[in-house]
Every structure is written in C-alpha cells, then in structure tokens.
C-alpha cells in the first residue's frame, strides 16, 4: 500500500524513534526486538522512496 510521501515520512520518523527506544532498552543492536524494529523502519523507508519516485 503506497501512501502520501508526507504521511510516510512521519511514520518513518516515529519508527526511527521507536528503534532508538528499543535499542536503549535491550542494549544490543543484535537483539531480536531491535532487529524487528529495524526491519519495520527499512520497510517504511522503502515505501517512502517509492512514494518519492512516483510523485
């Protein structure tokens, strides 16, 4: 599902902040929760890039 680039960028920023929180809580970049959040952020970044290319 593609979205408006502005909306997607807001979601990227929220996911990035969440990843920092998770990393701070678990302390390791290799912790499964940190990796999971990183993957979510990657997906949103890909969506954002796709939105920007199509607009």
PDB file of N, CA and C in Angstrom:
ATOM      1  N   UNK A   1       0.840  -1.172   0.000  1.00  0.00           N
ATOM      2  CA  UNK A   1       0.000   0.000   0.000  1.00  0.00           C
ATOM      3  C   UNK A   1       0.889   1.241   0.000  1.00  0.00           C
ATOM      4  N   UNK A   2       0.734   2.069  -1.021  1.00  0.00           N
ATOM      5  CA  UNK A   2       1.501   3.290  -1.115  1.00  0.00           C
ATOM      6  C   UNK A   2       0.732   4.438  -0.478  1.00  0.00           C
ATOM      7  N   UNK A   3       1.487   5.363   0.108  1.00  0.00           N
ATOM      8  CA  UNK A   3       0.872   6.483   0.793  1.00  0.00           C
ATOM      9  C   UNK A   3       1.452   7.785   0.283  1.00  0.00           C
ATOM     10  N   UNK A   4       0.897   8.832   0.799  1.00  0.00           N
ATOM     11  CA  UNK A   4       1.406  10.169   0.594  1.00  0.00           C
ATOM     12  C   UNK A   4       2.828  10.229   1.172  1.00  0.00           C
ATOM     13  N   UNK A   5       3.803  10.828   0.463  1.00  0.00           N
ATOM     14  CA  UNK A   5       5.177  10.896   0.988  1.00  0.00           C
ATOM     15  C   UNK A   5       5.270  11.573   2.355  1.00  0.00           C
ATOM     16  N   UNK A   6       4.462  12.605   2.585  1.00  0.00           N
ATOM     17  CA  UNK A   6       4.496  13.288   3.880  1.00  0.00           C
ATOM     18  C   UNK A   6       4.049  12.395   5.025  1.00  0.00           C
ATOM     19  N   UNK A   7       2.988  11.653   4.799  1.00  0.00           N
ATOM     20  CA  UNK A   7       2.476  10.722   5.816  1.00  0.00           C
ATOM     21  C   UNK A   7       3.504   9.612   6.061  1.00  0.00           C
ATOM     22  N   UNK A   8       4.065   9.108   4.990  1.00  0.00           N
ATOM     23  CA  UNK A   8       5.057   8.041   5.113  1.00  0.00           C
ATOM     24  C   UNK A   8       6.281   8.539   5.872  1.00  0.00           C
ATOM     25  N   UNK A   9       6.703   9.767   5.609  1.00  0.00           N
ATOM     26  CA  UNK A   9       7.859  10.323   6.310  1.00  0.00           C
ATOM     27  C   UNK A   9       7.594  10.448   7.808  1.00  0.00           C
ATOM     28  N   UNK A  10       6.387  10.822   8.183  1.00  0.00           N
ATOM     29  CA  UNK A  10       6.034  10.876   9.611  1.00  0.00           C
ATOM     30  C   UNK A  10       6.121   9.488  10.244  1.00  0.00           C
ATOM     31  N   UNK A  11       5.652   8.483   9.512  1.00  0.00           N
ATOM     32  CA  UNK A  11       5.723   7.107  10.021  1.00  0.00           C
ATOM     33  C   UNK A  11       7.180   6.658  10.150  1.00  0.00           C
ATOM     34  N   UNK A  12       8.028   7.082   9.208  1.00  0.00           N
ATOM     35  CA  UNK A  12       9.463   6.762   9.268  1.00  0.00           C
ATOM     36  C   UNK A  12      10.067   7.357  10.540  1.00  0.00           C
ATOM     37  N   UNK A  13       9.763   8.607  10.806  1.00  0.00           N
ATOM     38  CA  UNK A  13      10.327   9.262  11.989  1.00  0.00           C
ATOM     39  C   UNK A  13       9.859   8.603  13.287  1.00  0.00           C
ATOM     40  N   UNK A  14       8.598   8.212  13.346  1.00  0.00           N
ATOM     41  CA  UNK A  14       8.100   7.501  14.539  1.00  0.00           C
ATOM     42  C   UNK A  14       8.802   6.159  14.706  1.00  0.00           C
ATOM     43  N   UNK A  15       8.972   5.431  13.598  1.00  0.00           N
ATOM     44  CA  UNK A  15       9.630   4.124  13.656  1.00  0.00           C
ATOM     45  C   UNK A  15      11.093   4.269  14.052  1.00  0.00           C
ATOM     46  N   UNK A  16      11.747   5.333  13.583  1.00  0.00           N
ATOM     47  CA  UNK A  16      13.148   5.574  13.930  1.00  0.00           C
ATOM     48  C   UNK A  16      13.285   5.845  15.428  1.00  0.00           C
ATOM     49  N   UNK A  17      12.395   6.688  15.964  1.00  0.00           N
ATOM     50  CA  UNK A  17      12.422   6.970  17.406  1.00  0.00           C
ATOM     51  C   UNK A  17      12.169   5.702  18.207  1.00  0.00           C
ATOM     52  N   UNK A  18      11.229   4.892  17.725  1.00  0.00           N
ATOM     53  CA  UNK A  18      10.912   3.633  18.414  1.00  0.00           C
ATOM     54  C   UNK A  18      12.116   2.698  18.395  1.00  0.00           C
ATOM     55  N   UNK A  19      12.841   2.665  17.277  1.00  0.00           N
ATOM     56  CA  UNK A  19      14.014   1.795  17.194  1.00  0.00           C
ATOM     57  C   UNK A  19      15.064   2.233  18.214  1.00  0.00           C
ATOM     58  N   UNK A  20      15.276   3.538  18.367  1.00  0.00           N
ATOM     59  CA  UNK A  20      16.233   4.025  19.366  1.00  0.00           C
ATOM     60  C   UNK A  20      15.792   3.629  20.775  1.00  0.00           C
ATOM     61  N   UNK A  21      14.486   3.725  21.047  1.00  0.00           N
ATOM     62  CA  UNK A  21      13.977   3.335  22.364  1.00  0.00           C
ATOM     63  C   UNK A  21      14.202   1.853  22.636  1.00  0.00           C
ATOM     64  N   UNK A  22      13.910   1.031  21.637  1.00  0.00           N
ATOM     65  CA  UNK A  22      14.069  -0.421  21.791  1.00  0.00           C
ATOM     66  C   UNK A  22      15.541  -0.769  21.992  1.00  0.00           C
ATOM     67  N   UNK A  23      16.409  -0.129  21.221  1.00  0.00           N
ATOM     68  CA  UNK A  23      17.846  -0.393  21.341  1.00  0.00           C
ATOM     69  C   UNK A  23      18.341   0.025  22.727  1.00  0.00           C
ATOM     70  N   UNK A  24      17.868   1.154  23.221  1.00  0.00           N
ATOM     71  CA  UNK A  24      18.267   1.616  24.547  1.00  0.00           C
ATOM     72  C   UNK A  24      17.791   0.638  25.621  1.00  0.00           C
ATOM     73  N   UNK A  25      16.594   0.118  25.460  1.00  0.00           N
ATOM     74  CA  UNK A  25      16.031  -0.820  26.439  1.00  0.00           C
ATOM     75  C   UNK A  25      16.797  -2.139  26.462  1.00  0.00           C
ATOM     76  N   UNK A  26      17.100  -2.695  25.271  1.00  0.00           N
ATOM     77  CA  UNK A  26      17.718  -4.017  25.209  1.00  0.00           C
ATOM     78  C   UNK A  26      19.237  -3.971  25.089  1.00  0.00           C
ATOM     79  N   UNK A  27      19.785  -2.810  24.730  1.00  0.00           N
ATOM     80  CA  UNK A  27      21.228  -2.613  24.782  1.00  0.00           C
ATOM     81  C   UNK A  27      22.057  -3.193  23.653  1.00  0.00           C
ATOM     82  N   UNK A  28      21.515  -4.030  22.835  1.00  0.00           N
ATOM     83  CA  UNK A  28      22.299  -4.657  21.778  1.00  0.00           C
ATOM     84  C   UNK A  28      21.604  -4.474  20.435  1.00  0.00           C
ATOM     85  N   UNK A  29      22.395  -4.118  19.438  1.00  0.00           N
ATOM     86  CA  UNK A  29      21.829  -3.977  18.092  1.00  0.00           C
ATOM     87  C   UNK A  29      21.407  -5.316  17.514  1.00  0.00           C
ATOM     88  N   UNK A  30      21.916  -6.392  18.076  1.00  0.00           N
ATOM     89  CA  UNK A  30      21.591  -7.726  17.572  1.00  0.00           C
ATOM     90  C   UNK A  30      20.427  -8.380  18.318  1.00  0.00           C
ATOM     91  N   UNK A  31      19.838  -7.677  19.259  1.00  0.00           N
ATOM     92  CA  UNK A  31      18.698  -8.221  19.986  1.00  0.00           C
ATOM     93  C   UNK A  31      17.523  -8.377  19.004  1.00  0.00           C
ATOM     94  N   UNK A  32      16.772  -9.482  19.086  1.00  0.00           N
ATOM     95  CA  UNK A  32      15.662  -9.712  18.150  1.00  0.00           C
ATOM     96  C   UNK A  32      14.647  -8.573  18.071  1.00  0.00           C
ATOM     97  N   UNK A  33      14.356  -7.922  19.184  1.00  0.00           N
ATOM     98  CA  UNK A  33      13.392  -6.807  19.180  1.00  0.00           C
ATOM     99  C   UNK A  33      13.941  -5.612  18.395  1.00  0.00           C
ATOM    100  N   UNK A  34      15.238  -5.362  18.523  1.00  0.00           N
ATOM    101  CA  UNK A  34      15.867  -4.260  17.790  1.00  0.00           C
ATOM    102  C   UNK A  34      15.882  -4.584  16.299  1.00  0.00           C
ATOM    103  N   UNK A  35      16.208  -5.808  15.963  1.00  0.00           N
ATOM    104  CA  UNK A  35      16.218  -6.223  14.556  1.00  0.00           C
ATOM    105  C   UNK A  35      14.819  -6.119  13.961  1.00  0.00           C
ATOM    106  N   UNK A  36      13.823  -6.540  14.709  1.00  0.00           N
ATOM    107  CA  UNK A  36      12.437  -6.459  14.237  1.00  0.00           C
ATOM    108  C   UNK A  36      12.050  -5.004  13.937  1.00  0.00           C
ATOM    109  N   UNK A  37      12.381  -4.104  14.867  1.00  0.00           N
ATOM    110  CA  UNK A  37      12.040  -2.696  14.658  1.00  0.00           C
ATOM    111  C   UNK A  37      12.844  -2.109  13.491  1.00  0.00           C
ATOM    112  N   UNK A  38      14.075  -2.519  13.353  1.00  0.00           N
ATOM    113  CA  UNK A  38      14.902  -2.065  12.239  1.00  0.00           C
ATOM    114  C   UNK A  38      14.307  -2.497  10.901  1.00  0.00           C
ATOM    115  N   UNK A  39      13.775  -3.684  10.854  1.00  0.00           N
ATOM    116  CA  UNK A  39      13.142  -4.180   9.631  1.00  0.00           C
ATOM    117  C   UNK A  39      11.882  -3.375   9.307  1.00  0.00           C
ATOM    118  N   UNK A  40      11.123  -3.014  10.330  1.00  0.00           N
ATOM    119  CA  UNK A  40       9.939  -2.173  10.115  1.00  0.00           C
ATOM    120  C   UNK A  40      10.361  -0.814   9.549  1.00  0.00           C
ATOM    121  N   UNK A  41      11.423  -0.261  10.121  1.00  0.00           N
ATOM    122  CA  UNK A  41      11.926   1.022   9.636  1.00  0.00           C
ATOM    123  C   UNK A  41      12.398   0.903   8.193  1.00  0.00           C
ATOM    124  N   UNK A  42      13.095  -0.159   7.876  1.00  0.00           N
ATOM    125  CA  UNK A  42      13.550  -0.382   6.497  1.00  0.00           C
ATOM    126  C   UNK A  42      12.377  -0.422   5.522  1.00  0.00           C
ATOM    127  N   UNK A  43      11.314  -1.106   5.905  1.00  0.00           N
ATOM    128  CA  UNK A  43      10.138  -1.204   5.040  1.00  0.00           C
ATOM    129  C   UNK A  43       9.512   0.173   4.810  1.00  0.00           C
ATOM    130  N   UNK A  44       9.415   0.956   5.863  1.00  0.00           N
ATOM    131  CA  UNK A  44       8.866   2.305   5.719  1.00  0.00           C
ATOM    132  C   UNK A  44       9.765   3.182   4.847  1.00  0.00           C
ATOM    133  N   UNK A  45      11.072   3.042   5.004  1.00  0.00           N
ATOM    134  CA  UNK A  45      11.993   3.806   4.160  1.00  0.00           C
ATOM    135  C   UNK A  45      11.843   3.416   2.699  1.00  0.00           C
ATOM    136  N   UNK A  46      11.650   2.135   2.447  1.00  0.00           N
ATOM    137  CA  UNK A  46      11.414   1.681   1.072  1.00  0.00           C
ATOM    138  C   UNK A  46      10.114   2.265   0.521  1.00  0.00           C
ATOM    139  N   UNK A  47       9.071   2.276   1.344  1.00  0.00           N
ATOM    140  CA  UNK A  47       7.791   2.867   0.933  1.00  0.00           C
ATOM    141  C   UNK A  47       7.955   4.341   0.612  1.00  0.00           C
ATOM    142  N   UNK A  48       8.703   5.042   1.472  1.00  0.00           N
ATOM    143  CA  UNK A  48       8.926   6.472   1.266  1.00  0.00           C
ATOM    144  C   UNK A  48       9.659   6.711  -0.049  1.00  0.00           C
ATOM    145  N   UNK A  49      10.696   5.944  -0.290  1.00  0.00           N
ATOM    146  CA  UNK A  49      11.461   6.084  -1.522  1.00  0.00           C
ATOM    147  C   UNK A  49      10.571   5.851  -2.749  1.00  0.00           C
ATOM    148  N   UNK A  50       9.717   4.842  -2.674  1.00  0.00           N
ATOM    149  CA  UNK A  50       8.802   4.542  -3.772  1.00  0.00           C
ATOM    150  C   UNK A  50       7.819   5.697  -3.990  1.00  0.00           C
ATOM    151  N   UNK A  51       7.293   6.249  -2.886  1.00  0.00           N
ATOM    152  CA  UNK A  51       6.382   7.388  -2.986  1.00  0.00           C
ATOM    153  C   UNK A  51       7.064   8.573  -3.650  1.00  0.00           C
ATOM    154  N   UNK A  52       8.292   8.830  -3.258  1.00  0.00           N
ATOM    155  CA  UNK A  52       9.021   9.978  -3.820  1.00  0.00           C
ATOM    156  C   UNK A  52       9.293   9.790  -5.301  1.00  0.00           C
ATOM    157  N   UNK A  53       9.579   8.573  -5.705  1.00  0.00           N
ATOM    158  CA  UNK A  53       9.869   8.308  -7.116  1.00  0.00           C
ATOM    159  C   UNK A  53       8.626   8.467  -7.978  1.00  0.00           C
ATOM    160  N   UNK A  54       7.452   8.162  -7.432  1.00  0.00           N
ATOM    161  CA  UNK A  54       6.207   8.214  -8.201  1.00  0.00           C
ATOM    162  C   UNK A  54       5.562   9.592  -8.185  1.00  0.00           C
ATOM    163  N   UNK A  55       6.018  10.467  -7.289  1.00  0.00           N
ATOM    164  CA  UNK A  55       5.376  11.790  -7.220  1.00  0.00           C
ATOM    165  C   UNK A  55       6.135  12.824  -8.024  1.00  0.00           C
TER     166      UNK A  55
END
